[in-house]
Amino acid sequence: MYKIIRSILFLFDPEKVHYFSAYWIKKGFQFTYTRNYLRNKYTVENAVLEKTLFGIKFRNPVGLAAGFDKNASIFNELDMYGFGFIEIGTVTPLPQDGNEKPRLFRLKKDSAIINRMGFNNEGVDAVVERLKNRDKKIIIGGNIGKNKITPNENAIDDYLVCFKKLHEYVDYFVVNVSSPNTPNLRELQEKEPLKNILNTLKLENNKFENPKPILLKIAPDLTDSQLDDIIEIVAQTKIDGVIATNTTISRENLKTATEEISKIGMGGLSGKPLNGRSTEVIRYLSQKSNKGFPIIGVGGIHSAENAIEKLEAGADLVQLYTGFIYEGPGLIKKINLKLSQKNN
């Protein structure tokens, strides 16, 4: 059924389809029957799926990655599809439109997406207002970034604004310095600026009665030497974990014609082509750190087998984005059913 719906939706502009889908997800969940039907259809309840990580109990290890619900508009509705947790954002202090359109492209032959959205969002204050009405049973991650107009030397100010305003309303934080779509943002992954951001956030976190876990989201394009730096930084700053990985700027081994890729231009690639590299990064971090910190694995998960590979490589939880778009909500159920059978 979903493949039929997808074939129709894929006839139209990807960004318009995203907002169209979000609108109807919101609309449909106004009805008790719809909510009950979808929850029963997609949710897998099994104690073997439960996982406690950095003090949070997840009902299952399959989450929704940041980017799908940037403005915390439909997290209550998305929960009905059986996710164990939902990450909102990336959120910036001030509202911003993001990059010029078109900025979202499907590579159907590769089951992939290229995006250069540029942290388009309504700003942290709008997000906080929506999160005030959240269902406390839903685990929410807050993915935070800096505004495009903020120079890198002042980036910490933006991360602090989002951190302080969201602190009461999210269960964990993700520091996003790895998106390729905000100019010079990835420079913040370098050792000294990154340590400064994370140490400052840790100090701020300790001022709260209930400190929240802080995770770092990294790019798949880092070298082994840079990954070694990440391991060292996590140990030094004592943050709670890493999300591996964000989208890639690589265009290797794609089935889509080179001319079409060139025409699309810049942007982060997600989907099936990223699967292998993201798993490599997870395995490297896990092995070199001697399983020293929790890892959330994301990138190219389009099947239950892909998810299990990441968990076996060292991930503690996984997240979907492009796989959710291409495979539909049934993918969450397939992963959780496979994990239930494997762990029973």
Foldseek 3Di string as FASTA:
>chain_A
DVQVVLVVLVVDQPVVSLVVVQVVLVVQVVDPVSLVVLLVVAADQDCLQWDAAPNDIFRHQEEADEDSAAQLPCLVSVVSLHHRAYEYHQAWAAADQFDDPPFWDDPVQFLKIFGLRGRHYHHLVSSLVNLVPDDVSHAYEHEYFYHLPDDLVCGLVGVVSNCVSCVVRHQAYEYEQAFPNRPPSVVCLDQPNVLVSLLVSVVVQVVDPDRHAYEYEHALPDDLVSLVSVLVSCVVSVGAYYEFYDFYQDDPPRPPDPVVVVVSPGGGMFAQVFLVSSLVSQLSNCVVNVNVHAYEGEGHPQALVSQVSSVVSRHPHYYYDSSCSNVNSNRSRRNVVVSSVVSD
